[in-house]
Amino acid sequence: MLQHTFTQAVENGMMITGGHFTLTYDGSSINAGTIESFRCCAQLYSSEKKKYPKLGIGILINDIGAVCSSSGCQTQRVPTRAAFALPDAYQTILDELGIQKEELVIFWEKHIRNRAKKQLHSQIVKQNPSIVYREKEGYIYRSNQNSVEIILSRYNDNDKRGTPACPLIMSAYSLEHKRLGYSSSLNFYYVGEDNFMNIANHFVIEKGCYLASCFDPSIGQTKNVYFFKDKTMKNF
């Protein structure tokens, strides 16, 4: 099923990611859905890497401790990444498929958030007319063309640009793939109701893809596959 469904979506220069999770002290954020999304990513990479020499495999790890939805954010303390080790279930998948740990690119969300702040600053300096500031709320992206309104940052007394919101972070995530030399990406996400601490919903991810294409029209396609409990959805 995997080969038939997603193989044709792969192209040379693509970054394939999956298994996104939040760092915790007890590993409680890892579940059957996150493991399955990582397995799909790894299986696809393993089956296609000989055909496409510039293929990449990666994983986004939340080392911030905040998960946001349209109504706000939930935060929790997370361990430092200094003692990080790939979860046993993930390492087993790599071993079974003959993928070296060194092949796996880890995208740390704290780093991506910092890239997002720079991205917002750059757009403000360029005086992007779609970037609007709302007093005591933060920055939003507003497109008069299609009435789109997306939260970019949330008001923060200690930061005049505010705290980057999830859509802006996910935009920076797509742009980070390009910065590292990848021309497109294919990302597997588990978005079941039991996975809220890792991914609140798929809407913020899609808004991030839209923002990335607005900020850089030359960016390659970001293809996303979403696993729910009872169905699979994709944006391509």
Protein backbone atom coordinates (compact mmCIF):
# COMPACT_ATOMS: atom_id res chain seq x y z
CA MET A 1 0.00 0.00 0.00
CA LEU A 2 2.77 2.44 0.89
CA GLN A 3 4.66 1.84 -2.33
CA HIS A 4 1.56 2.17 -4.49
CA THR A 5 0.25 5.27 -2.72
CA PHE A 6 3.30 7.46 -2.18
CA THR A 7 6.16 6.24 -4.38
CA GLN A 8 5.02 8.38 -7.30
CA ALA A 9 5.14 11.47 -5.07
CA VAL A 10 8.90 11.10 -4.54
CA GLU A 11 11.40 13.07 -6.59
CA ASN A 12 15.12 13.69 -6.46
CA GLY A 13 16.14 16.40 -4.02
CA MET A 14 13.19 15.69 -1.72
CA MET A 15 13.31 15.63 2.09
CA ILE A 16 11.04 12.93 3.55
CA THR A 17 10.09 13.36 7.20
CA GLY A 18 7.88 11.62 9.75
CA GLY A 19 7.48 10.68 13.40
CA HIS A 20 7.22 14.22 14.77
CA PHE A 21 7.09 14.21 18.59
CA THR A 22 7.68 16.36 21.66
CA LEU A 23 10.62 15.74 23.98
CA THR A 24 9.45 14.49 27.37
CA TYR A 25 11.21 13.12 30.43
CA ASP A 26 9.42 9.78 30.25
CA GLY A 27 8.93 9.32 26.49
CA SER A 28 5.16 9.53 26.89
CA SER A 29 4.73 11.51 23.66
CA ILE A 30 5.68 8.47 21.57
CA ASN A 31 2.66 6.43 20.55
CA ALA A 32 1.58 3.95 17.89
CA GLY A 33 0.63 6.76 15.51
CA THR A 34 3.92 8.63 15.73
CA ILE A 35 5.81 5.36 15.28
CA GLU A 36 3.72 4.47 12.22
CA SER A 37 4.31 7.88 10.64
CA PHE A 38 8.05 7.43 11.15
CA ARG A 39 7.88 3.92 9.70
CA CYS A 40 6.14 5.21 6.56
CA CYS A 41 8.78 7.90 6.16
CA ALA A 42 11.64 5.45 6.64
CA GLN A 43 10.17 2.76 4.38
CA LEU A 44 9.65 5.22 1.57
CA TYR A 45 13.15 6.65 1.94
CA SER A 46 14.68 3.17 2.05
CA SER A 47 12.84 2.00 -1.08
CA GLU A 48 13.70 5.09 -3.14
CA LYS A 49 17.15 6.29 -2.03
CA LYS A 50 19.04 4.23 -4.62
CA LYS A 51 16.89 5.68 -7.38
CA TYR A 52 17.21 9.25 -6.08
CA PRO A 53 20.73 9.99 -4.75
CA LYS A 54 19.74 13.40 -3.36
CA LEU A 55 16.89 12.08 -1.22
CA GLY A 56 16.87 12.99 2.47
CA ILE A 57 15.22 11.60 5.60
CA GLY A 58 14.41 13.73 8.61
CA ILE A 59 12.34 14.22 11.73
CA LEU A 60 10.99 17.34 13.46
CA ILE A 61 11.35 17.21 17.25
CA ASN A 62 9.62 19.69 19.53
CA ASP A 63 12.17 20.80 22.13
CA ILE A 64 10.18 23.94 22.99
CA GLY A 65 7.42 22.31 25.02
CA ALA A 66 4.58 24.32 23.49
CA VAL A 67 1.78 22.98 21.30
CA CYS A 68 -0.61 25.52 19.81
CA SER A 69 -4.02 25.45 18.22
CA SER A 70 -6.18 28.27 16.91
CA SER A 71 -7.38 29.06 20.45
CA GLY A 72 -4.01 29.24 22.21
CA CYS A 73 -1.00 27.28 23.39
CA GLN A 74 -0.29 24.64 26.00
CA THR A 75 3.19 24.49 27.48
CA GLN A 76 5.13 21.96 29.49
CA ARG A 77 8.69 21.53 30.73
CA VAL A 78 10.89 19.48 28.43
CA PRO A 79 14.36 18.00 28.94
CA THR A 80 17.38 19.49 27.23
CA ARG A 81 18.48 17.82 24.04
CA ALA A 82 22.04 17.33 25.30
CA ALA A 83 21.27 13.78 26.44
CA PHE A 84 18.89 13.05 23.56
CA ALA A 85 18.77 9.54 22.13
CA LEU A 86 16.47 8.44 19.34
CA PRO A 87 13.50 6.49 20.79
CA ASP A 88 14.06 2.73 20.74
CA ALA A 89 11.09 2.13 18.44
CA TYR A 90 12.48 4.58 15.90
CA GLN A 91 15.99 3.16 16.09
CA THR A 92 14.59 -0.34 15.55
CA ILE A 93 12.88 0.83 12.36
CA LEU A 94 16.13 2.32 11.06
CA ASP A 95 18.01 -0.88 11.89
CA GLU A 96 15.41 -3.07 10.19
CA LEU A 97 15.63 -1.00 7.01
CA GLY A 98 19.41 -0.67 7.02
CA ILE A 99 19.35 3.12 7.45
CA GLN A 100 22.31 4.60 9.29
CA LYS A 101 21.47 6.97 12.14
CA GLU A 102 23.78 9.53 10.54
CA GLU A 103 21.46 9.72 7.53
CA LEU A 104 18.64 11.06 9.68
CA VAL A 105 18.44 14.87 9.76
CA ILE A 106 16.96 16.14 13.03
CA PHE A 107 15.07 19.41 12.80
CA TRP A 108 14.89 20.90 16.30
CA GLU A 109 11.80 23.05 16.70
CA LYS A 110 13.57 25.59 18.90
CA HIS A 111 16.00 26.26 16.06
CA ILE A 112 13.13 26.44 13.58
CA ARG A 113 11.34 28.92 15.87
CA ASN A 114 14.43 31.15 15.81
CA ARG A 115 14.46 30.94 12.02
CA ALA A 116 10.78 31.92 12.10
CA LYS A 117 11.56 35.05 14.13
CA LYS A 118 14.19 36.06 11.59
CA GLN A 119 11.73 35.35 8.80
CA LEU A 120 9.12 37.63 10.37
CA HIS A 121 11.69 40.37 10.98
CA SER A 122 12.78 40.16 7.33
CA GLN A 123 9.21 40.50 6.08
CA ILE A 124 8.60 43.51 8.35
CA VAL A 125 11.80 45.20 7.14
CA LYS A 126 10.71 44.57 3.54
CA GLN A 127 7.41 46.25 4.49
CA ASN A 128 5.37 43.34 3.24
CA PRO A 129 1.89 44.90 2.95
CA SER A 130 0.26 41.65 4.09
CA ILE A 131 2.00 41.79 7.49
CA VAL A 132 -0.24 43.64 9.98
CA TYR A 133 0.31 44.36 13.67
CA ARG A 134 -2.59 44.27 16.11
CA GLU A 135 -2.07 46.09 19.39
CA LYS A 136 -1.68 43.68 22.33
CA GLU A 137 -2.26 40.70 20.01
CA GLY A 138 0.72 40.34 17.71
CA TYR A 139 1.43 40.13 14.00
CA ILE A 140 -0.89 38.54 11.48
CA TYR A 141 -0.67 37.78 7.78
CA ARG A 142 -3.60 39.18 5.84
CA SER A 143 -4.14 38.56 2.14
CA ASN A 144 -6.73 40.82 0.55
CA GLN A 145 -6.69 38.58 -2.51
CA ASN A 146 -8.46 35.66 -0.81
CA SER A 147 -9.35 37.01 2.65
CA VAL A 148 -6.81 34.75 4.37
CA GLU A 149 -5.81 35.80 7.90
CA ILE A 150 -3.10 33.84 9.72
CA ILE A 151 -1.57 34.45 13.16
CA LEU A 152 2.19 34.94 12.85
CA SER A 153 3.10 35.87 16.42
CA ARG A 154 1.43 36.26 19.80
CA TYR A 155 1.91 39.36 21.93
CA ASN A 156 4.86 39.18 24.31
CA ASP A 157 5.79 41.98 26.74
CA ASN A 158 9.45 41.01 26.42
CA ASP A 159 9.67 40.81 22.63
CA LYS A 160 8.45 43.52 20.30
CA ARG A 161 7.97 40.97 17.51
CA GLY A 162 5.98 38.68 19.77
CA THR A 163 6.29 34.92 20.18
CA PRO A 164 6.21 33.02 16.86
CA ALA A 165 2.94 31.13 16.40
CA CYS A 166 2.77 27.62 14.94
CA PRO A 167 1.90 28.65 11.35
CA LEU A 168 4.99 30.86 11.21
CA ILE A 169 7.13 28.08 12.70
CA MET A 170 5.82 25.56 10.17
CA SER A 171 6.49 28.07 7.40
CA ALA A 172 10.09 28.32 8.60
CA TYR A 173 10.23 24.51 8.68
CA SER A 174 9.42 24.32 4.96
CA LEU A 175 11.89 27.09 4.19
CA GLU A 176 14.55 25.32 6.27
CA HIS A 177 14.30 22.33 3.94
CA LYS A 178 15.07 24.64 1.03
CA ARG A 179 17.92 26.33 2.93
CA LEU A 180 19.54 22.91 3.42
CA GLY A 181 19.41 22.27 -0.32
CA TYR A 182 16.22 20.23 -0.72
CA SER A 183 13.92 21.20 -3.57
CA SER A 184 10.72 19.75 -2.07
CA SER A 185 9.47 17.76 0.91
CA LEU A 186 7.08 14.94 1.78
CA ASN A 187 6.02 14.89 5.42
CA PHE A 188 4.07 12.23 7.32
CA TYR A 189 2.12 13.41 10.39
CA TYR A 190 -0.04 11.51 12.85
CA VAL A 191 -2.90 13.83 13.85
CA GLY A 192 -5.18 11.52 15.83
CA GLU A 193 -6.99 12.95 18.86
CA ASP A 194 -4.59 11.12 21.17
CA ASN A 195 -1.64 13.01 19.67
CA PHE A 196 -2.55 16.54 20.73
CA MET A 197 0.65 17.03 22.74
CA ASN A 198 2.62 16.57 19.51
CA ILE A 199 0.35 18.10 16.87
CA ALA A 200 -2.77 20.06 17.73
CA ASN A 201 -4.29 19.77 14.25
CA HIS A 202 -3.33 19.76 10.60
CA PHE A 203 -4.67 23.25 9.90
CA VAL A 204 -1.64 25.06 11.38
CA ILE A 205 0.67 22.93 9.23
CA GLU A 206 -1.21 23.77 6.04
CA LYS A 207 -1.25 27.46 6.97
CA GLY A 208 2.52 27.22 7.37
CA CYS A 209 2.88 25.74 3.88
CA TYR A 210 0.80 28.58 2.49
CA LEU A 211 2.91 31.20 4.27
CA ALA A 212 6.16 29.65 3.02
CA SER A 213 4.96 29.92 -0.58
CA CYS A 214 3.90 33.54 0.03
CA PHE A 215 7.24 34.50 1.55
CA ASP A 216 9.25 32.63 -1.09
CA PRO A 217 7.33 31.80 -4.30
CA SER A 218 10.34 29.82 -5.57
CA ILE A 219 10.06 27.21 -2.82
CA GLY A 220 9.34 23.67 -3.98
CA GLN A 221 6.14 21.83 -3.13
CA THR A 222 5.55 20.77 0.45
CA LYS A 223 3.54 17.55 0.35
CA ASN A 224 1.88 16.51 3.61
CA VAL A 225 0.25 13.21 4.53
CA TYR A 226 -1.96 13.14 7.63
CA PHE A 227 -2.84 9.93 9.47
CA PHE A 228 -6.00 9.90 11.56
CA LYS A 229 -7.38 6.96 13.53
CA ASP A 230 -9.64 5.88 10.69
CA LYS A 231 -8.39 7.59 7.54
CA THR A 232 -5.48 9.15 5.68
CA MET A 233 -5.54 12.60 4.11
CA LYS A 234 -3.01 14.35 1.89
CA ASN A 235 -2.62 17.83 0.39
CA PHE A 236 -1.50 16.72 -3.07
